N, C-alpha and C. Protein backbone atom coordinates (compact mmCIF):
# COMPACT_ATOMS: atom_id res chain seq x y z
N MET A 1 -27.59 -48.74 -3.20
CA MET A 1 -27.87 -49.36 -2.68
C MET A 1 -28.02 -50.93 -2.70
N ASP A 2 -27.46 -51.94 -2.86
CA ASP A 2 -27.42 -53.22 -3.47
C ASP A 2 -27.78 -54.38 -2.04
N GLY A 3 -29.09 -54.84 -2.29
CA GLY A 3 -29.42 -56.01 -0.87
C GLY A 3 -29.97 -55.15 0.57
N VAL A 4 -29.49 -55.52 1.39
CA VAL A 4 -30.09 -55.63 2.35
C VAL A 4 -28.88 -54.70 3.68
N ALA A 5 -27.93 -55.46 3.76
CA ALA A 5 -26.67 -54.56 4.56
C ALA A 5 -26.10 -53.44 3.88
N ALA A 6 -26.55 -52.69 3.35
CA ALA A 6 -25.98 -51.32 2.76
C ALA A 6 -25.18 -50.07 3.58
N LYS A 7 -25.79 -50.46 4.62
CA LYS A 7 -25.14 -49.45 5.97
C LYS A 7 -25.71 -49.95 7.25
N ILE A 8 -24.73 -50.34 7.83
CA ILE A 8 -25.00 -51.05 9.39
C ILE A 8 -24.71 -49.91 10.39
N TRP A 9 -25.28 -49.17 11.42
CA TRP A 9 -24.72 -48.12 11.75
C TRP A 9 -23.99 -48.64 13.37
N ALA A 10 -25.07 -49.56 14.16
CA ALA A 10 -25.10 -49.86 15.41
C ALA A 10 -25.14 -51.77 15.45
N THR A 11 -24.44 -52.32 15.74
CA THR A 11 -24.52 -54.31 15.76
C THR A 11 -24.41 -54.63 16.92
N ASP A 12 -24.21 -54.26 18.37
CA ASP A 12 -23.99 -54.64 19.36
C ASP A 12 -24.83 -53.54 20.36
N GLY A 13 -24.96 -53.85 21.58
CA GLY A 13 -25.27 -53.41 22.66
C GLY A 13 -27.34 -53.11 22.34
N PRO A 14 -27.72 -52.05 22.82
CA PRO A 14 -29.16 -52.53 23.00
C PRO A 14 -29.81 -52.25 21.41
N GLU A 15 -29.31 -51.23 20.78
CA GLU A 15 -30.40 -51.11 19.59
C GLU A 15 -29.25 -51.76 18.49
N TYR A 16 -30.20 -52.22 17.02
CA TYR A 16 -29.01 -52.47 15.82
C TYR A 16 -29.91 -51.78 14.91
N LEU A 17 -29.12 -50.81 14.15
CA LEU A 17 -29.62 -50.54 13.36
C LEU A 17 -29.32 -50.49 11.64
N PHE A 18 -30.04 -50.99 10.59
CA PHE A 18 -29.44 -51.05 9.11
C PHE A 18 -30.27 -50.39 8.50
N GLU A 19 -29.46 -50.18 6.93
CA GLU A 19 -30.89 -49.46 6.19
C GLU A 19 -30.51 -50.41 5.12
N LEU A 20 -31.68 -49.98 3.82
CA LEU A 20 -31.69 -50.97 3.00
C LEU A 20 -32.91 -50.61 1.88
N GLU A 21 -32.56 -50.93 0.48
CA GLU A 21 -33.43 -50.43 -0.33
C GLU A 21 -34.19 -52.00 -0.70
N TYR A 22 -35.54 -51.75 -0.39
CA TYR A 22 -36.52 -53.14 -1.11
C TYR A 22 -35.74 -53.50 -2.16
N GLN A 23 -35.75 -54.85 -2.03
CA GLN A 23 -35.80 -55.64 -3.25
C GLN A 23 -36.33 -57.38 -2.48
N ALA A 24 -36.87 -57.46 -3.21
CA ALA A 24 -37.45 -59.20 -2.87
C ALA A 24 -36.93 -59.76 -2.23
N GLN A 25 -35.67 -60.38 -2.59
CA GLN A 25 -34.72 -61.55 -2.46
C GLN A 25 -33.48 -60.76 -0.73
N CYS A 26 -33.94 -59.55 -0.46
CA CYS A 26 -33.24 -59.01 0.47
C CYS A 26 -34.25 -59.47 1.92
N LEU A 27 -35.30 -60.05 1.63
CA LEU A 27 -36.20 -60.45 2.42
C LEU A 27 -35.77 -61.94 3.89
N PRO A 28 -35.11 -62.92 2.95
CA PRO A 28 -34.53 -63.68 3.79
C PRO A 28 -33.58 -63.11 4.95
N GLN A 29 -32.52 -62.27 4.05
CA GLN A 29 -31.33 -61.70 4.75
C GLN A 29 -32.07 -60.93 6.07
N VAL A 30 -32.92 -59.82 5.77
CA VAL A 30 -33.47 -59.76 7.02
C VAL A 30 -34.19 -60.30 8.01
N ARG A 31 -34.56 -60.94 7.41
CA ARG A 31 -35.26 -62.19 8.78
C ARG A 31 -33.90 -62.81 9.71
N SER A 32 -33.09 -63.41 8.86
CA SER A 32 -31.83 -63.46 9.34
C SER A 32 -30.74 -62.48 10.22
N LEU A 33 -31.22 -61.52 9.92
CA LEU A 33 -30.64 -60.51 11.17
C LEU A 33 -31.75 -60.42 12.03
N VAL A 34 -32.73 -60.40 11.92
CA VAL A 34 -33.55 -59.86 13.38
C VAL A 34 -33.29 -61.59 14.31
N CYS A 35 -32.98 -62.85 13.93
CA CYS A 35 -33.41 -63.74 13.89
C CYS A 35 -31.75 -64.02 14.91
N LYS A 36 -30.84 -63.45 14.42
CA LYS A 36 -29.27 -63.67 14.92
C LYS A 36 -29.18 -62.73 16.38
N TRP A 37 -29.82 -61.43 15.71
CA TRP A 37 -29.54 -60.63 17.11
C TRP A 37 -31.12 -60.90 18.15
N LEU A 38 -32.33 -61.42 18.23
CA LEU A 38 -32.67 -62.09 19.37
C LEU A 38 -32.14 -63.16 19.89
N HIS A 39 -31.74 -64.39 19.23
CA HIS A 39 -30.71 -65.07 19.51
C HIS A 39 -29.70 -64.87 20.73
N ALA A 40 -29.31 -63.77 20.40
CA ALA A 40 -27.90 -63.12 20.74
C ALA A 40 -28.42 -62.45 21.93
N ARG A 41 -29.59 -61.85 22.38
CA ARG A 41 -29.87 -61.78 23.50
C ARG A 41 -30.94 -62.75 24.56
N GLY A 42 -30.83 -63.62 23.53
CA GLY A 42 -31.83 -65.17 24.68
C GLY A 42 -32.86 -64.87 24.29
N LEU A 43 -33.77 -64.28 23.20
CA LEU A 43 -35.12 -64.03 22.98
C LEU A 43 -35.29 -64.74 22.09
N ASP A 44 -35.26 -66.16 22.03
CA ASP A 44 -35.64 -66.84 20.36
C ASP A 44 -36.65 -66.94 20.73
N VAL A 45 -37.45 -67.19 21.50
CA VAL A 45 -38.89 -67.11 21.47
C VAL A 45 -39.87 -66.67 20.73
N LEU A 46 -39.44 -64.77 21.05
CA LEU A 46 -39.72 -64.18 20.08
C LEU A 46 -39.65 -64.21 17.99
N ALA A 47 -38.47 -65.05 18.08
CA ALA A 47 -38.00 -64.95 16.48
C ALA A 47 -39.12 -65.01 15.36
N MET A 48 -39.92 -66.14 15.61
CA MET A 48 -41.03 -66.50 14.43
C MET A 48 -41.55 -65.07 14.10
N ASP A 49 -42.38 -64.25 15.07
CA ASP A 49 -43.06 -63.44 14.75
C ASP A 49 -42.38 -62.03 14.79
N ALA A 50 -40.91 -61.80 15.05
CA ALA A 50 -40.11 -60.74 15.05
C ALA A 50 -39.66 -60.76 13.51
N ALA A 51 -39.68 -62.08 13.07
CA ALA A 51 -39.24 -62.09 11.60
C ALA A 51 -40.25 -62.10 10.49
N LEU A 52 -41.44 -62.44 11.13
CA LEU A 52 -42.92 -62.30 10.58
C LEU A 52 -43.25 -60.77 9.87
N ILE A 53 -42.83 -60.35 11.57
CA ILE A 53 -42.69 -58.68 11.26
C ILE A 53 -41.89 -57.44 10.26
N ALA A 54 -41.33 -57.79 10.69
CA ALA A 54 -39.81 -57.58 9.58
C ALA A 54 -40.56 -57.94 8.61
N THR A 55 -40.94 -58.98 7.54
CA THR A 55 -40.62 -59.41 6.73
C THR A 55 -41.89 -58.00 5.66
N GLU A 56 -42.83 -58.12 6.74
CA GLU A 56 -44.17 -57.65 6.00
C GLU A 56 -43.47 -55.93 6.15
N LEU A 57 -43.76 -55.15 7.20
CA LEU A 57 -42.92 -54.20 7.43
C LEU A 57 -41.77 -53.54 5.83
N CYS A 58 -40.32 -54.66 6.00
CA CYS A 58 -39.85 -54.15 4.95
C CYS A 58 -40.23 -54.31 3.56
N SER A 59 -41.33 -55.66 3.60
CA SER A 59 -42.25 -55.43 1.87
C SER A 59 -42.88 -54.30 1.81
N ASN A 60 -42.57 -53.52 2.92
CA ASN A 60 -43.86 -52.39 2.42
C ASN A 60 -43.27 -51.95 1.76
N LEU A 61 -42.06 -51.39 2.14
CA LEU A 61 -41.35 -50.59 1.14
C LEU A 61 -41.30 -50.06 -0.12
N ARG A 62 -41.72 -51.37 -0.82
CA ARG A 62 -41.79 -51.73 -2.24
C ARG A 62 -43.00 -50.18 -2.80
N HIS A 63 -44.03 -50.00 -1.89
CA HIS A 63 -45.18 -48.81 -1.96
C HIS A 63 -44.44 -47.33 -2.05
N THR A 64 -43.19 -47.53 -1.52
CA THR A 64 -42.91 -45.52 -1.00
C THR A 64 -41.78 -45.66 -2.67
N PRO A 65 -41.72 -44.16 -2.95
CA PRO A 65 -40.99 -44.03 -4.27
C PRO A 65 -40.18 -44.22 -4.14
N ASP A 66 -38.87 -44.28 -3.19
CA ASP A 66 -37.35 -44.63 -3.24
C ASP A 66 -37.40 -46.25 -2.76
N ARG A 67 -37.65 -46.53 -2.36
CA ARG A 67 -37.78 -48.43 -1.83
C ARG A 67 -36.98 -48.61 -0.79
N TRP A 68 -36.58 -47.09 0.17
CA TRP A 68 -35.03 -46.90 0.43
C TRP A 68 -36.74 -47.46 2.42
N GLY A 69 -35.49 -47.88 3.26
CA GLY A 69 -35.91 -47.68 4.96
C GLY A 69 -34.66 -47.74 5.94
N GLU A 70 -35.14 -47.54 6.80
CA GLU A 70 -34.09 -48.02 8.01
C GLU A 70 -35.08 -48.53 8.87
N VAL A 71 -33.98 -49.74 9.24
CA VAL A 71 -34.91 -51.03 10.40
C VAL A 71 -33.76 -50.60 11.34
N SER A 72 -34.74 -50.68 12.73
CA SER A 72 -33.95 -50.70 13.80
C SER A 72 -34.88 -51.68 15.01
N LEU A 73 -33.81 -52.51 16.04
CA LEU A 73 -34.13 -53.78 16.29
C LEU A 73 -33.99 -52.93 17.97
N ARG A 74 -34.61 -52.79 18.87
CA ARG A 74 -34.42 -52.49 20.13
C ARG A 74 -34.47 -53.08 21.15
N HIS A 75 -33.41 -53.31 21.82
CA HIS A 75 -33.74 -54.19 23.14
C HIS A 75 -34.67 -53.31 24.23
N LEU A 76 -36.18 -54.37 24.64
CA LEU A 76 -36.05 -53.84 25.59
C LEU A 76 -36.22 -55.05 26.75
N PRO A 77 -36.73 -54.57 28.25
CA PRO A 77 -36.75 -55.54 29.12
C PRO A 77 -38.12 -56.60 28.51
N GLY A 78 -37.07 -57.89 28.35
CA GLY A 78 -38.17 -58.90 27.92
C GLY A 78 -38.80 -58.98 26.38
N GLY A 79 -38.00 -58.10 25.63
CA GLY A 79 -38.86 -58.03 24.24
C GLY A 79 -38.08 -56.76 23.63
N LEU A 80 -38.45 -56.47 22.90
CA LEU A 80 -38.31 -55.93 21.38
C LEU A 80 -38.68 -54.87 20.97
N ARG A 81 -38.16 -53.83 20.15
CA ARG A 81 -39.43 -53.09 19.93
C ARG A 81 -38.69 -53.00 18.28
N LEU A 82 -39.31 -53.34 17.18
CA LEU A 82 -38.71 -53.73 16.11
C LEU A 82 -39.68 -52.62 15.13
N ALA A 83 -38.87 -51.70 13.94
CA ALA A 83 -39.27 -50.40 13.59
C ALA A 83 -38.55 -50.23 12.22
N VAL A 84 -39.71 -50.40 10.93
CA VAL A 84 -39.34 -49.88 9.94
C VAL A 84 -39.26 -48.23 9.31
N ARG A 85 -38.63 -46.97 9.35
CA ARG A 85 -39.07 -46.08 8.94
C ARG A 85 -38.51 -46.04 7.76
N ASP A 86 -39.33 -44.73 6.86
CA ASP A 86 -39.09 -44.96 5.08
C ASP A 86 -39.23 -43.17 4.82
N ARG A 87 -39.01 -42.59 4.06
CA ARG A 87 -39.43 -41.17 3.60
C ARG A 87 -40.69 -40.72 3.10
N SER A 88 -41.45 -42.10 2.96
CA SER A 88 -42.66 -41.45 2.59
C SER A 88 -43.77 -41.07 3.38
N THR A 89 -44.28 -40.25 3.20
CA THR A 89 -45.37 -39.18 4.18
C THR A 89 -46.74 -40.45 3.57
N VAL A 90 -46.79 -40.73 3.28
CA VAL A 90 -48.41 -41.60 2.69
C VAL A 90 -48.86 -42.61 4.59
N LEU A 91 -49.58 -42.09 4.95
CA LEU A 91 -49.60 -42.96 6.67
C LEU A 91 -51.01 -44.60 5.74
N PRO A 92 -49.87 -45.85 5.76
CA PRO A 92 -50.85 -46.91 5.64
C PRO A 92 -52.11 -47.13 6.82
N VAL A 93 -53.13 -47.77 6.33
CA VAL A 93 -53.99 -47.71 7.41
C VAL A 93 -53.98 -49.69 7.79
N VAL A 94 -54.37 -49.77 8.76
CA VAL A 94 -54.53 -51.09 9.26
C VAL A 94 -56.06 -51.67 9.04
N PRO A 95 -55.99 -52.81 8.36
CA PRO A 95 -57.38 -53.30 8.04
C PRO A 95 -58.27 -53.19 9.67
N ALA A 96 -59.06 -53.18 9.96
CA ALA A 96 -59.75 -53.10 11.09
C ALA A 96 -60.29 -54.58 10.91
N THR A 97 -60.91 -55.19 10.06
CA THR A 97 -60.88 -56.80 9.66
C THR A 97 -60.25 -57.30 8.75
N ALA A 98 -59.73 -58.80 9.32
CA ALA A 98 -59.01 -59.28 8.51
C ALA A 98 -59.13 -59.54 6.89
N PRO A 99 -58.33 -59.26 6.55
CA PRO A 99 -58.85 -58.78 4.50
C PRO A 99 -58.84 -60.56 4.23
N CYS A 100 -59.28 -60.47 2.90
CA CYS A 100 -59.90 -61.71 2.33
C CYS A 100 -58.21 -62.62 1.92
N VAL A 101 -58.68 -64.42 2.52
CA VAL A 101 -57.31 -65.24 2.63
C VAL A 101 -57.22 -64.83 0.43
N THR A 102 -57.78 -64.66 -0.15
CA THR A 102 -57.74 -64.81 -1.73
C THR A 102 -56.97 -63.69 -2.69
N ALA A 103 -57.32 -61.95 -1.55
CA ALA A 103 -56.49 -61.26 -1.99
C ALA A 103 -55.48 -61.33 -2.15
N THR A 104 -54.81 -60.70 -3.53
CA THR A 104 -53.50 -60.75 -3.73
C THR A 104 -52.46 -59.90 -2.86
N GLY A 105 -53.26 -58.55 -2.48
CA GLY A 105 -52.11 -57.58 -1.40
C GLY A 105 -53.47 -57.51 -0.18
N GLY A 106 -52.68 -56.36 0.68
CA GLY A 106 -53.77 -55.53 1.54
C GLY A 106 -53.56 -56.95 3.45
N ARG A 107 -52.38 -57.60 3.63
CA ARG A 107 -52.80 -58.57 4.46
C ARG A 107 -51.86 -58.61 5.17
N GLY A 108 -50.93 -57.33 4.35
CA GLY A 108 -49.48 -57.13 5.65
C GLY A 108 -49.37 -56.40 6.65
N LEU A 109 -50.11 -55.66 7.03
CA LEU A 109 -49.84 -54.60 7.83
C LEU A 109 -51.06 -55.41 9.11
N TYR A 110 -52.17 -56.13 8.35
CA TYR A 110 -53.01 -56.86 8.72
C TYR A 110 -52.33 -57.74 10.44
N VAL A 111 -52.02 -58.15 9.41
CA VAL A 111 -50.41 -59.48 9.98
C VAL A 111 -49.84 -59.37 10.82
N ALA A 112 -48.82 -58.63 10.58
CA ALA A 112 -48.06 -57.72 11.63
C ALA A 112 -48.31 -56.98 13.05
N ALA A 113 -49.82 -56.12 12.61
CA ALA A 113 -50.63 -55.87 13.61
C ALA A 113 -50.92 -56.75 14.74
N ALA A 114 -51.28 -58.14 14.26
CA ALA A 114 -51.77 -58.96 14.57
C ALA A 114 -50.77 -60.04 15.80
N SER A 115 -49.60 -59.47 15.15
CA SER A 115 -48.41 -60.75 15.66
C SER A 115 -47.49 -59.90 17.25
N ALA A 116 -47.86 -58.33 16.60
CA ALA A 116 -47.31 -57.60 17.74
C ALA A 116 -47.87 -57.97 18.75
N ASP A 117 -47.19 -57.26 20.13
CA ASP A 117 -48.38 -57.07 21.21
C ASP A 117 -48.34 -55.52 21.28
N LYS A 118 -47.88 -54.71 20.71
CA LYS A 118 -47.65 -53.58 20.53
C LYS A 118 -47.88 -52.59 19.29
N PHE A 119 -48.67 -52.02 18.66
CA PHE A 119 -48.38 -51.66 16.67
C PHE A 119 -48.67 -50.18 16.66
N GLU A 120 -47.69 -49.40 16.10
CA GLU A 120 -48.18 -48.21 15.70
C GLU A 120 -47.48 -47.73 14.41
N ILE A 121 -48.28 -46.58 14.04
CA ILE A 121 -47.39 -46.57 12.72
C ILE A 121 -48.19 -44.61 13.15
N GLU A 122 -46.65 -44.33 12.83
CA GLU A 122 -46.42 -42.63 13.66
C GLU A 122 -45.91 -41.55 12.03
N PRO A 123 -46.45 -40.55 11.51
CA PRO A 123 -45.51 -39.57 11.34
C PRO A 123 -44.57 -39.15 11.84
N LEU A 124 -43.62 -38.92 11.23
CA LEU A 124 -42.30 -38.06 11.76
C LEU A 124 -42.13 -36.72 11.52
N SER A 125 -42.23 -35.71 12.14
CA SER A 125 -41.96 -33.81 12.00
C SER A 125 -41.06 -33.81 10.64
N ALA A 126 -40.05 -34.44 10.84
CA ALA A 126 -39.00 -34.14 9.52
C ALA A 126 -39.72 -35.12 7.88
N GLY A 127 -40.75 -35.47 8.44
CA GLY A 127 -41.00 -36.13 6.94
C GLY A 127 -40.54 -37.82 7.30
N GLY A 128 -41.35 -38.09 5.97
CA GLY A 128 -41.69 -40.17 6.54
C GLY A 128 -42.08 -39.98 7.38
N LYS A 129 -42.18 -41.76 7.59
CA LYS A 129 -42.88 -41.99 8.85
C LYS A 129 -42.17 -43.17 9.49
N ILE A 130 -42.48 -43.83 10.41
CA ILE A 130 -42.20 -45.05 11.21
C ILE A 130 -43.34 -46.23 11.39
N ILE A 131 -43.17 -47.05 11.13
CA ILE A 131 -43.81 -48.17 11.68
C ILE A 131 -43.16 -49.21 12.78
N TRP A 132 -43.95 -49.00 13.92
CA TRP A 132 -42.82 -50.45 14.88
C TRP A 132 -44.30 -51.22 15.61
N GLY A 133 -43.25 -52.24 15.97
CA GLY A 133 -44.33 -53.13 16.53
C GLY A 133 -43.00 -53.55 17.79
N GLU A 134 -43.83 -53.85 18.93
CA GLU A 134 -43.11 -54.81 20.33
C GLU A 134 -43.55 -55.80 20.40
N LEU A 135 -42.44 -56.67 20.96
CA LEU A 135 -42.97 -58.04 20.87
C LEU A 135 -42.36 -58.35 22.46
N PHE A 136 -42.79 -59.10 23.50
CA PHE A 136 -42.37 -59.26 24.52
C PHE A 136 -42.36 -60.69 25.14
N ALA A 137 -42.05 -61.16 25.60
CA ALA A 137 -41.59 -63.01 25.87
C ALA A 137 -42.26 -63.53 26.75
N ASN A 138 -42.59 -62.36 27.65
CA ASN A 138 -43.80 -62.97 28.76
C ASN A 138 -44.50 -63.10 28.45
N ALA A 139 -45.58 -64.52 28.95
CA ALA A 139 -46.80 -65.31 28.95
C ALA A 139 -47.76 -64.65 28.51
N SER A 140 -47.89 -63.77 29.68
CA SER A 140 -48.89 -62.94 30.22
C SER A 140 -48.96 -61.93 29.47
N ALA A 141 -48.29 -61.16 28.52
CA ALA A 141 -48.03 -60.05 28.08
C ALA A 141 -48.44 -60.47 26.58
N ARG A 142 -47.91 -61.81 26.24
CA ARG A 142 -48.25 -62.08 24.60
C ARG A 142 -49.22 -62.93 24.91
N ALA A 143 -50.41 -63.44 25.91
CA ALA A 143 -51.52 -63.99 25.91
C ALA A 143 -52.77 -62.42 25.72
N GLU A 144 -52.53 -61.51 26.15
CA GLU A 144 -52.99 -60.49 26.01
C GLU A 144 -53.47 -59.77 24.85
N ARG A 145 -53.06 -59.93 24.01
CA ARG A 145 -52.76 -59.28 22.70
C ARG A 145 -54.33 -60.23 21.79
């Protein structure tokens, strides 16, 4: 695989799936795909947070043995679920408090979780894990986080 859009399974409808092999230069394309998908659904208000979450979750693929991941965007009523699945069984831990701003790593999951209205890390029975966040355009739902 070279770059981000190595394989795209569904580009229309309620879900959008693509796989990638992590390379730092593919992150702008990931952000672009997320923003275009949201724009097509009238959810532009979520674009900045969704692009940030996608960037952080895809960046974490560099810590997996094969650097492979599957990204899914699922349209929910008034929002989306953005998920990244990988083959690593290592479950990362979201820091309970904000990491030091001068640290060279360790902030990504904290920032992603803080940006999402709901955030989970789940092991998969077939192996690997899925990390997902949900975002909603509803102002009251966004204010509750």
